[in-house]
């Protein structure tokens, strides 16, 4: 599932250049591919689902540190490496003096960039979503504690509280260069996107027999949500649907409900689609999907596309970039990401899963 979500995001950023027989069809293709940013929302809901499924019954006060350390070892080392390479490439270049370089680098390696509309797409642009992801890691132990003490229904209030907090922070901080607009809060911060994780986490706790046709209903719902986003995009003549509130409502709430139902069905019921998604090639692609996600829109893609334009202009750039990014991602996973994670967990072997 991770691999397919990463593929959707790649296509959204590098739409295929097709010769359509008429302008309307060409426009339709452009609009649909632009809306494949839904891969990010699918990632968020999948993350909430998997972490809830794995840790809900075991996470407690005694092993919160171990849980957070495992999440850190999984996410941060590769990001730190790629982010540092990205900034070292431009150090000392004209127009990028050290007085600007250091603050921007620190904002990126600390992931604080994710709270500023000005900075969140600097460095490794897709890494803005890591800030959202890491925020969920910090919140999950609290969510588990609340659900055990009260019930899962208490989770319904959490996104509302976070959203209100984010909007209030935006009101207070907008003139300081942080949380500058309500739209930014809804699009790119955990305050606006917590619902995607919580919906996935909630579906992971539901009985396997609760929704007998969950897979097909969920998949149908995801396609309908995509169709709604396409309609909003085209109807309001936008570059992407989530630039306005109706698009955000569908992307941040309707789509996750369908995604959560789909994931619930995949886990609860055997199907041909489940067999396909658990096949060895897709599992391997899923392992390296994190590296792929970071690389696909970074210094690596800039380097590849520039060299193709200069030395092989007749080659199709998007397929070549995809294949090279996949190859680099596999190498990074097996030679850097996995060894670094295992080394860190061995270096500080905190107890707990």
Protein backbone atom coordinates (compact mmCIF):
# COMPACT_ATOMS: atom_id res chain seq x y z
CA UNK A 1 0.00 0.00 0.00
CA UNK A 2 2.89 2.36 0.79
CA UNK A 3 4.38 1.70 -2.63
CA UNK A 4 1.14 2.58 -4.43
CA UNK A 5 0.71 5.74 -2.34
CA UNK A 6 4.26 6.80 -3.24
CA UNK A 7 3.54 6.11 -6.91
CA UNK A 8 0.45 8.35 -6.80
CA UNK A 9 2.51 11.18 -5.33
CA UNK A 10 5.21 10.72 -7.97
CA UNK A 11 2.64 10.92 -10.78
CA UNK A 12 1.12 14.04 -9.20
CA UNK A 13 4.51 15.76 -9.30
CA UNK A 14 5.55 14.37 -12.70
CA UNK A 15 2.35 14.01 -14.72
CA UNK A 16 2.63 12.03 -17.95
CA UNK A 17 2.87 14.06 -21.12
CA UNK A 18 0.18 12.59 -23.36
CA UNK A 19 -1.06 13.68 -26.77
CA UNK A 20 -4.81 13.71 -26.21
CA UNK A 21 -7.10 13.86 -29.25
CA UNK A 22 -8.85 16.96 -27.91
CA UNK A 23 -8.15 19.73 -25.37
CA UNK A 24 -10.93 18.63 -23.02
CA UNK A 25 -9.46 15.16 -22.59
CA UNK A 26 -6.00 16.63 -22.12
CA UNK A 27 -7.37 18.96 -19.43
CA UNK A 28 -9.12 16.03 -17.74
CA UNK A 29 -5.88 14.05 -17.60
CA UNK A 30 -4.05 17.05 -16.12
CA UNK A 31 -6.71 17.56 -13.45
CA UNK A 32 -6.83 13.89 -12.43
CA UNK A 33 -3.05 13.56 -12.16
CA UNK A 34 -2.82 16.77 -10.12
CA UNK A 35 -5.25 15.28 -7.60
CA UNK A 36 -3.12 12.19 -7.05
CA UNK A 37 -1.62 14.10 -4.14
CA UNK A 38 -4.14 11.92 -2.27
CA UNK A 39 -1.20 9.56 -1.83
CA UNK A 40 -0.12 11.76 1.11
CA UNK A 41 -3.49 11.38 2.82
CA UNK A 42 -3.37 7.62 2.20
CA UNK A 43 0.08 7.54 3.82
CA UNK A 44 -1.25 9.36 6.89
CA UNK A 45 -4.28 7.11 7.32
CA UNK A 46 -2.18 3.99 6.72
CA UNK A 47 0.32 5.14 9.34
CA UNK A 48 -2.44 5.68 11.89
CA UNK A 49 -3.91 2.27 11.10
CA UNK A 50 -0.66 0.33 11.33
CA UNK A 51 0.63 2.00 14.48
CA UNK A 52 -2.70 1.59 16.26
CA UNK A 53 -2.90 -2.05 15.21
CA UNK A 54 0.61 -2.77 16.43
CA UNK A 55 0.87 -0.71 19.60
CA UNK A 56 -2.64 -0.20 21.02
CA UNK A 57 -2.51 -3.27 23.25
CA UNK A 58 1.15 -2.95 24.29
CA UNK A 59 1.95 0.76 24.54
CA UNK A 60 2.07 2.07 28.11
CA UNK A 61 4.00 4.38 30.41
CA UNK A 62 6.78 1.82 30.77
CA UNK A 63 7.65 1.68 27.06
CA UNK A 64 6.76 5.08 25.61
CA UNK A 65 10.46 5.92 25.39
CA UNK A 66 11.19 2.71 23.48
CA UNK A 67 8.31 3.41 21.09
CA UNK A 68 9.48 6.95 20.34
CA UNK A 69 13.09 5.80 19.97
CA UNK A 70 12.07 3.17 17.41
CA UNK A 71 10.12 5.79 15.47
CA UNK A 72 13.12 8.14 15.58
CA UNK A 73 15.49 5.41 14.38
CA UNK A 74 13.10 4.58 11.55
CA UNK A 75 12.53 8.11 10.25
CA UNK A 76 15.28 10.52 11.19
CA UNK A 77 18.70 9.12 10.12
CA UNK A 78 17.91 8.95 6.40
CA UNK A 79 16.20 12.32 6.49
CA UNK A 80 19.19 13.88 8.29
CA UNK A 81 21.57 12.45 5.69
CA UNK A 82 19.59 13.60 2.65
CA UNK A 83 18.77 16.98 4.15
CA UNK A 84 22.43 17.61 4.98
CA UNK A 85 23.52 16.64 1.46
CA UNK A 86 20.89 18.98 0.05
CA UNK A 87 22.22 21.93 2.03
CA UNK A 88 25.92 21.12 1.60
CA UNK A 89 25.40 21.30 -2.18
CA UNK A 90 24.44 24.97 -1.95
CA UNK A 91 26.77 26.09 0.85
CA UNK A 92 28.75 29.15 -0.20
CA UNK A 93 27.01 29.54 -3.53
CA UNK A 94 26.18 33.05 -4.72
CA UNK A 95 22.85 34.13 -3.33
CA UNK A 96 23.09 31.68 -0.43
CA UNK A 97 25.42 33.27 2.17
CA UNK A 98 26.27 31.48 5.40
CA UNK A 99 24.14 33.95 7.34
CA UNK A 100 21.10 32.48 5.57
CA UNK A 101 22.40 28.94 5.22
CA UNK A 102 22.73 28.06 8.89
CA UNK A 103 19.29 29.23 10.07
CA UNK A 104 17.56 27.50 7.16
CA UNK A 105 19.57 24.31 7.69
CA UNK A 106 18.70 24.26 11.40
CA UNK A 107 15.02 24.81 10.63
CA UNK A 108 15.18 21.80 8.33
CA UNK A 109 17.14 19.30 10.42
CA UNK A 110 15.01 20.09 13.48
CA UNK A 111 11.86 19.78 11.31
CA UNK A 112 10.65 23.10 12.70
CA UNK A 113 10.24 24.18 9.09
CA UNK A 114 6.92 22.35 9.05
CA UNK A 115 5.31 25.07 11.15
CA UNK A 116 6.15 27.89 8.75
CA UNK A 117 4.55 28.46 5.37
CA UNK A 118 7.68 30.29 4.28
CA UNK A 119 10.05 27.43 5.06
CA UNK A 120 8.10 24.17 4.93
CA UNK A 121 9.02 23.37 1.31
CA UNK A 122 12.72 24.21 1.66
CA UNK A 123 15.48 21.59 1.76
CA UNK A 124 13.77 18.28 0.96
CA UNK A 125 10.29 19.59 0.02
CA UNK A 126 8.28 16.39 0.72
CA UNK A 127 9.68 16.31 4.26
CA UNK A 128 6.99 18.75 5.42
CA UNK A 129 4.87 15.65 5.97
CA UNK A 130 7.44 14.22 8.40
CA UNK A 131 6.52 16.97 10.85
CA UNK A 132 2.89 15.85 10.65
CA UNK A 133 3.92 12.21 11.03
CA UNK A 134 6.22 12.82 14.00
CA UNK A 135 3.48 14.82 15.71
CA UNK A 136 1.25 11.75 15.56
CA UNK A 137 4.00 9.63 17.11
CA UNK A 138 4.10 12.01 20.06
CA UNK A 139 0.33 11.97 20.40
CA UNK A 140 -0.24 8.22 20.08
CA UNK A 141 0.70 7.29 23.68
CA UNK A 142 -1.80 9.90 24.93
CA UNK A 143 -4.48 8.57 22.58
CA UNK A 144 -3.96 5.02 23.81
CA UNK A 145 -4.11 6.13 27.44
CA UNK A 146 -7.33 8.09 26.84
CA UNK A 147 -8.98 5.21 24.99
CA UNK A 148 -8.15 2.74 27.76
CA UNK A 149 -9.30 5.03 30.54
CA UNK A 150 -12.50 6.14 28.84
CA UNK A 151 -13.31 4.70 25.38
CA UNK A 152 -12.42 5.10 21.73
CA UNK A 153 -15.19 7.68 21.47
CA UNK A 154 -12.93 10.17 23.24
CA UNK A 155 -10.86 10.26 20.05
CA UNK A 156 -13.72 12.10 18.33
CA UNK A 157 -12.88 15.20 20.34
CA UNK A 158 -9.15 15.14 19.64
CA UNK A 159 -9.17 16.42 16.02
CA UNK A 160 -11.62 19.17 17.00
CA UNK A 161 -9.40 20.28 19.89
CA UNK A 162 -6.29 20.17 17.70
CA UNK A 163 -7.98 22.09 14.90
CA UNK A 164 -9.19 24.79 17.28
CA UNK A 165 -5.71 24.98 18.82
CA UNK A 166 -4.07 25.30 15.41
CA UNK A 167 -6.41 28.06 14.29
CA UNK A 168 -5.86 29.91 17.56
CA UNK A 169 -2.08 29.58 17.22
CA UNK A 170 -2.33 30.90 13.68
CA UNK A 171 -4.25 33.91 14.94
CA UNK A 172 -1.60 34.59 17.58
CA UNK A 173 1.56 33.74 15.60
CA UNK A 174 0.77 34.71 12.01
CA UNK A 175 2.74 37.97 12.22
CA UNK A 176 5.81 36.21 13.63
CA UNK A 177 6.47 34.00 10.60
CA UNK A 178 4.89 30.87 12.05
CA UNK A 179 1.51 29.28 11.22
CA UNK A 180 0.92 32.22 8.89
CA UNK A 181 -2.53 31.38 7.58
CA UNK A 182 -5.57 29.26 8.39
CA UNK A 183 -5.26 27.53 5.03
CA UNK A 184 -1.66 26.52 5.79
CA UNK A 185 -2.73 25.10 9.16
CA UNK A 186 -5.37 22.97 7.44
CA UNK A 187 -3.16 21.89 4.54
CA UNK A 188 0.20 21.15 6.05
CA UNK A 189 0.19 20.89 9.85
CA UNK A 190 -0.86 18.18 12.27
CA UNK A 191 -3.45 20.54 13.71
CA UNK A 192 -5.39 20.35 10.46
CA UNK A 193 -4.52 16.79 9.44
CA UNK A 194 -4.73 14.82 12.66
CA UNK A 195 -8.08 13.38 11.59
CA UNK A 196 -6.44 11.30 8.87
CA UNK A 197 -4.29 9.47 11.41
CA UNK A 198 -7.06 9.12 13.97
CA UNK A 199 -9.50 7.68 11.46
CA UNK A 200 -6.94 5.05 10.48
CA UNK A 201 -6.19 4.33 14.14
CA UNK A 202 -9.90 3.94 14.93
CA UNK A 203 -10.52 1.49 12.07
CA UNK A 204 -7.63 -0.64 13.35
CA UNK A 205 -9.55 -1.20 16.59
CA UNK A 206 -12.84 -2.25 14.99
CA UNK A 207 -14.07 -5.84 14.91
CA UNK A 208 -13.05 -7.76 11.79
CA UNK A 209 -16.67 -8.72 11.12
CA UNK A 210 -18.14 -5.25 11.50
CA UNK A 211 -17.98 -4.35 7.79
CA UNK A 212 -18.30 -7.51 5.65
CA UNK A 213 -17.77 -5.68 2.34
CA UNK A 214 -15.25 -3.15 3.63
CA UNK A 215 -12.65 -3.65 0.89
CA UNK A 216 -14.94 -2.95 -2.05
CA UNK A 217 -16.86 -0.22 -0.23
CA UNK A 218 -13.65 1.46 0.87
CA UNK A 219 -12.10 1.31 -2.59
CA UNK A 220 -15.29 2.68 -4.11
CA UNK A 221 -15.32 5.47 -1.54
CA UNK A 222 -11.71 6.36 -2.34
CA UNK A 223 -12.52 6.61 -6.03
CA UNK A 224 -15.57 8.76 -5.27
CA UNK A 225 -13.45 11.03 -3.08
CA UNK A 226 -10.93 11.37 -5.91
CA UNK A 227 -13.78 12.18 -8.30
CA UNK A 228 -15.03 14.85 -5.88
CA UNK A 229 -11.56 16.40 -5.68
CA UNK A 230 -11.32 16.38 -9.47
CA UNK A 231 -14.71 18.08 -9.67
CA UNK A 232 -13.68 20.75 -7.16
CA UNK A 233 -10.41 21.29 -9.03
CA UNK A 234 -12.14 21.71 -12.38
CA UNK A 235 -15.22 23.52 -11.12
CA UNK A 236 -13.27 26.23 -9.31
CA UNK A 237 -10.44 26.31 -11.89
CA UNK A 238 -7.73 25.61 -9.31
CA UNK A 239 -4.19 24.27 -9.57
CA UNK A 240 -5.10 21.74 -6.87
CA UNK A 241 -8.34 21.12 -4.98
CA UNK A 242 -6.97 21.54 -1.46
CA UNK A 243 -6.43 25.25 -1.99
CA UNK A 244 -10.01 25.81 -0.83
CA UNK A 245 -12.09 24.50 2.08
CA UNK A 246 -14.35 22.06 0.15
CA UNK A 247 -11.27 20.30 -1.21
CA UNK A 248 -9.71 20.15 2.24
CA UNK A 249 -12.90 18.70 3.68
CA UNK A 250 -12.90 15.87 1.14
CA UNK A 251 -9.14 15.28 1.33
CA UNK A 252 -8.73 15.46 5.11
CA UNK A 253 -11.98 13.75 6.21
CA UNK A 254 -13.99 12.00 3.49
CA UNK A 255 -11.03 10.30 1.81
CA UNK A 256 -9.56 9.02 5.12
CA UNK A 257 -12.90 7.47 6.06
CA UNK A 258 -12.89 5.54 2.78
CA UNK A 259 -9.19 4.69 3.15
CA UNK A 260 -9.67 3.44 6.70
CA UNK A 261 -12.58 1.26 5.59
CA UNK A 262 -10.47 -0.10 2.73
CA UNK A 263 -7.56 -0.92 5.06
CA UNK A 264 -9.95 -2.56 7.52
CA UNK A 265 -11.28 -4.76 4.72
CA UNK A 266 -7.82 -5.71 3.49
CA UNK A 267 -6.76 -6.78 6.98
CA UNK A 268 -9.99 -8.59 7.85
CA UNK A 269 -10.86 -10.42 4.63
CA UNK A 270 -8.78 -12.45 2.21
CA UNK A 271 -9.04 -11.20 -1.38
CA UNK A 272 -7.16 -11.11 -4.64
CA UNK A 273 -6.32 -7.46 -4.02
CA UNK A 274 -4.84 -8.32 -0.63
CA UNK A 275 -2.72 -11.03 -2.24
CA UNK A 276 -1.53 -8.58 -4.88
CA UNK A 277 -0.65 -5.86 -2.38
CA UNK A 278 1.27 -8.36 -0.23
CA UNK A 279 3.29 -9.74 -3.15
CA UNK A 280 7.08 -9.69 -2.76
CA UNK A 281 7.77 -6.93 -5.34
CA UNK A 282 5.25 -4.58 -3.72
CA UNK A 283 6.52 -5.43 -0.24
CA UNK A 284 10.08 -4.56 -1.28
CA UNK A 285 8.83 -1.38 -2.97
CA UNK A 286 7.02 -0.57 0.27
CA UNK A 287 10.22 -0.98 2.28
CA UNK A 288 11.99 1.62 0.16
CA UNK A 289 8.96 3.90 -0.27
CA UNK A 290 10.21 6.30 2.40
CA UNK A 291 13.52 6.83 0.60
CA UNK A 292 11.65 7.07 -2.70
CA UNK A 293 9.32 9.71 -1.27
CA UNK A 294 12.19 11.87 -0.03
CA UNK A 295 14.26 11.49 -3.20
CA UNK A 296 11.60 11.98 -5.85
CA UNK A 297 11.42 15.75 -5.33
CA UNK A 298 14.87 16.74 -4.09
CA UNK A 299 18.44 17.45 -5.14
CA UNK A 300 18.49 13.93 -6.60
CA UNK A 301 15.63 14.57 -9.02
CA UNK A 302 17.10 17.98 -9.92
CA UNK A 303 20.45 16.33 -10.70
CA UNK A 304 18.91 13.55 -12.80
CA UNK A 305 16.60 15.81 -14.80
CA UNK A 306 19.36 18.35 -15.47
CA UNK A 307 21.71 15.62 -16.75
CA UNK A 308 19.00 14.09 -18.92
CA UNK A 309 18.18 17.47 -20.43
CA UNK A 310 21.84 18.10 -21.17
CA UNK A 311 23.12 14.70 -22.25
CA UNK A 312 20.08 12.66 -23.31
CA UNK A 313 17.33 15.07 -24.40
CA UNK A 314 15.60 12.38 -26.48
CA UNK A 315 15.07 10.11 -23.47
CA UNK A 316 11.67 10.27 -21.72
CA UNK A 317 12.57 12.07 -18.48
CA UNK A 318 9.75 10.88 -16.22
CA UNK A 319 10.17 7.09 -16.72
CA UNK A 320 13.95 7.40 -16.45
CA UNK A 321 13.65 9.47 -13.28
CA UNK A 322 11.23 6.92 -11.82
CA UNK A 323 13.54 3.98 -12.51
CA UNK A 324 16.63 5.77 -11.20
CA UNK A 325 14.77 6.94 -8.09
CA UNK A 326 13.58 3.38 -7.45
CA UNK A 327 17.12 2.07 -7.84
CA UNK A 328 18.56 4.73 -5.55
CA UNK A 329 15.79 4.10 -3.00
CA UNK A 330 16.52 0.38 -2.90
CA UNK A 331 20.20 1.11 -2.38
CA UNK A 332 19.48 3.62 0.37
CA UNK A 333 17.12 1.26 2.16
CA UNK A 334 19.44 -1.75 2.21
CA UNK A 335 22.76 0.12 2.58
CA UNK A 336 21.82 3.12 4.75
CA UNK A 337 18.29 3.25 6.16
CA UNK A 338 17.97 -0.30 7.50
CA UNK A 339 21.58 -0.64 8.79
CA UNK A 340 21.37 2.76 10.52
CA UNK A 341 18.08 1.85 12.17
CA UNK A 342 19.41 -1.48 13.43
CA UNK A 343 22.65 0.15 14.61
CA UNK A 344 20.81 2.81 16.60
CA UNK A 345 18.48 0.26 18.16
CA UNK A 346 21.50 -1.87 19.09
CA UNK A 347 23.41 1.16 20.39
CA UNK A 348 20.57 2.14 22.71
CA UNK A 349 18.54 -1.06 23.18
CA UNK A 350 15.57 0.36 25.05
CA UNK A 351 13.10 -2.30 26.10
CA UNK A 352 9.74 -2.61 24.38
CA UNK A 353 8.60 -3.27 20.86
